[in-house]
């Protein structure tokens, strides 16, 4: 499938992948049997998933920049 949108870092809890091909929008995820399922969605639903992904990215960046990641020592 065409990947026209930029490659983004994904949260480890993000279970889906978004794709666009020939003006159609798809969401791919693994079901309970670990089989890849591809679902065609409307542009509005695709935009919502895109918004959720961007919000996750903002939270990950904020955590990386402003939180202390050091181990506690003496």
C-alpha atoms as a PDB file:
ATOM      1  CA  UNK A   1       0.000   0.000   0.000  1.00  0.00           C
ATOM      2  CA  UNK A   2       1.168   3.510  -0.638  1.00  0.00           C
ATOM      3  CA  UNK A   3       2.591   5.183   2.415  1.00  0.00           C
ATOM      4  CA  UNK A   4       2.163   8.888   1.647  1.00  0.00           C
ATOM      5  CA  UNK A   5       2.063  10.130   5.200  1.00  0.00           C
ATOM      6  CA  UNK A   6       5.303  10.626   7.122  1.00  0.00           C
ATOM      7  CA  UNK A   7       6.801   7.766   9.053  1.00  0.00           C
ATOM      8  CA  UNK A   8       6.116   8.322  12.741  1.00  0.00           C
ATOM      9  CA  UNK A   9       7.275   6.845  15.955  1.00  0.00           C
ATOM     10  CA  UNK A  10       4.545   4.652  17.444  1.00  0.00           C
ATOM     11  CA  UNK A  11       3.614   4.096  21.034  1.00  0.00           C
ATOM     12  CA  UNK A  12       4.105   0.495  22.155  1.00  0.00           C
ATOM     13  CA  UNK A  13       0.388   0.336  22.992  1.00  0.00           C
ATOM     14  CA  UNK A  14      -0.680   1.490  19.509  1.00  0.00           C
ATOM     15  CA  UNK A  15      -2.212  -1.625  17.887  1.00  0.00           C
ATOM     16  CA  UNK A  16      -2.936  -0.239  14.423  1.00  0.00           C
ATOM     17  CA  UNK A  17      -1.171   0.950  11.272  1.00  0.00           C
ATOM     18  CA  UNK A  18      -2.700   3.501   8.915  1.00  0.00           C
ATOM     19  CA  UNK A  19      -2.359   3.381   5.127  1.00  0.00           C
ATOM     20  CA  UNK A  20      -3.747   5.256   2.133  1.00  0.00           C
ATOM     21  CA  UNK A  21      -3.876   3.845  -1.375  1.00  0.00           C
ATOM     22  CA  UNK A  22      -5.615   5.282  -4.441  1.00  0.00           C
ATOM     23  CA  UNK A  23      -7.666   7.714  -2.360  1.00  0.00           C
ATOM     24  CA  UNK A  24      -8.941   4.948  -0.066  1.00  0.00           C
ATOM     25  CA  UNK A  25      -8.076   4.753   3.610  1.00  0.00           C
ATOM     26  CA  UNK A  26      -7.143   1.592   5.508  1.00  0.00           C
ATOM     27  CA  UNK A  27      -6.461   0.647   9.119  1.00  0.00           C
ATOM     28  CA  UNK A  28      -4.466  -2.548   9.721  1.00  0.00           C
ATOM     29  CA  UNK A  29      -4.216  -4.414  13.021  1.00  0.00           C
ATOM     30  CA  UNK A  30      -3.660  -7.919  14.382  1.00  0.00           C
ATOM     31  CA  UNK A  31      -6.648  -9.822  15.732  1.00  0.00           C
ATOM     32  CA  UNK A  32      -6.663 -12.182  18.693  1.00  0.00           C
ATOM     33  CA  UNK A  33      -5.228 -14.993  16.537  1.00  0.00           C
ATOM     34  CA  UNK A  34      -2.359 -12.685  15.495  1.00  0.00           C
ATOM     35  CA  UNK A  35      -3.678 -12.491  11.921  1.00  0.00           C
ATOM     36  CA  UNK A  36      -3.362  -9.155  10.153  1.00  0.00           C
ATOM     37  CA  UNK A  37      -6.753  -7.599   9.428  1.00  0.00           C
ATOM     38  CA  UNK A  38      -7.163  -4.694   7.002  1.00  0.00           C
ATOM     39  CA  UNK A  39     -10.309  -2.582   7.233  1.00  0.00           C
ATOM     40  CA  UNK A  40     -11.296   0.146   4.787  1.00  0.00           C
ATOM     41  CA  UNK A  41     -12.541   3.235   6.634  1.00  0.00           C
ATOM     42  CA  UNK A  42     -13.954   6.596   5.665  1.00  0.00           C
ATOM     43  CA  UNK A  43     -11.782   9.696   5.477  1.00  0.00           C
ATOM     44  CA  UNK A  44     -13.361  11.027   8.696  1.00  0.00           C
ATOM     45  CA  UNK A  45     -12.452   7.893  10.653  1.00  0.00           C
ATOM     46  CA  UNK A  46      -8.946   7.961   9.157  1.00  0.00           C
ATOM     47  CA  UNK A  47      -8.584  11.592  10.274  1.00  0.00           C
ATOM     48  CA  UNK A  48      -9.627  10.611  13.824  1.00  0.00           C
ATOM     49  CA  UNK A  49      -7.048   7.824  13.943  1.00  0.00           C
ATOM     50  CA  UNK A  50      -4.460  10.298  12.641  1.00  0.00           C
ATOM     51  CA  UNK A  51      -5.394  12.722  15.432  1.00  0.00           C
ATOM     52  CA  UNK A  52      -5.041   9.964  18.044  1.00  0.00           C
ATOM     53  CA  UNK A  53      -1.624   9.029  16.657  1.00  0.00           C
ATOM     54  CA  UNK A  54      -0.463  12.661  16.743  1.00  0.00           C
ATOM     55  CA  UNK A  55      -1.653  13.032  20.354  1.00  0.00           C
ATOM     56  CA  UNK A  56       0.311   9.904  21.303  1.00  0.00           C
ATOM     57  CA  UNK A  57       3.378  11.361  19.599  1.00  0.00           C
ATOM     58  CA  UNK A  58       3.048  14.619  21.541  1.00  0.00           C
ATOM     59  CA  UNK A  59       2.846  12.709  24.827  1.00  0.00           C
ATOM     60  CA  UNK A  60       5.873  10.547  23.957  1.00  0.00           C
ATOM     61  CA  UNK A  61       7.922  13.622  22.997  1.00  0.00           C
ATOM     62  CA  UNK A  62       6.920  15.436  26.174  1.00  0.00           C
ATOM     63  CA  UNK A  63       7.920  12.422  28.252  1.00  0.00           C
ATOM     64  CA  UNK A  64      11.272  12.151  26.457  1.00  0.00           C
ATOM     65  CA  UNK A  65      12.098  15.837  26.828  1.00  0.00           C
ATOM     66  CA  UNK A  66      10.826  16.688  30.280  1.00  0.00           C
ATOM     67  CA  UNK A  67      10.928  13.601  32.423  1.00  0.00           C
ATOM     68  CA  UNK A  68      13.914  12.323  34.261  1.00  0.00           C
ATOM     69  CA  UNK A  69      15.017   8.948  32.971  1.00  0.00           C
ATOM     70  CA  UNK A  70      17.891   8.342  35.319  1.00  0.00           C
ATOM     71  CA  UNK A  71      17.988   5.468  37.779  1.00  0.00           C
ATOM     72  CA  UNK A  72      17.824   6.311  41.424  1.00  0.00           C
ATOM     73  CA  UNK A  73      21.181   6.087  43.109  1.00  0.00           C
ATOM     74  CA  UNK A  74      22.609   6.995  46.460  1.00  0.00           C
END
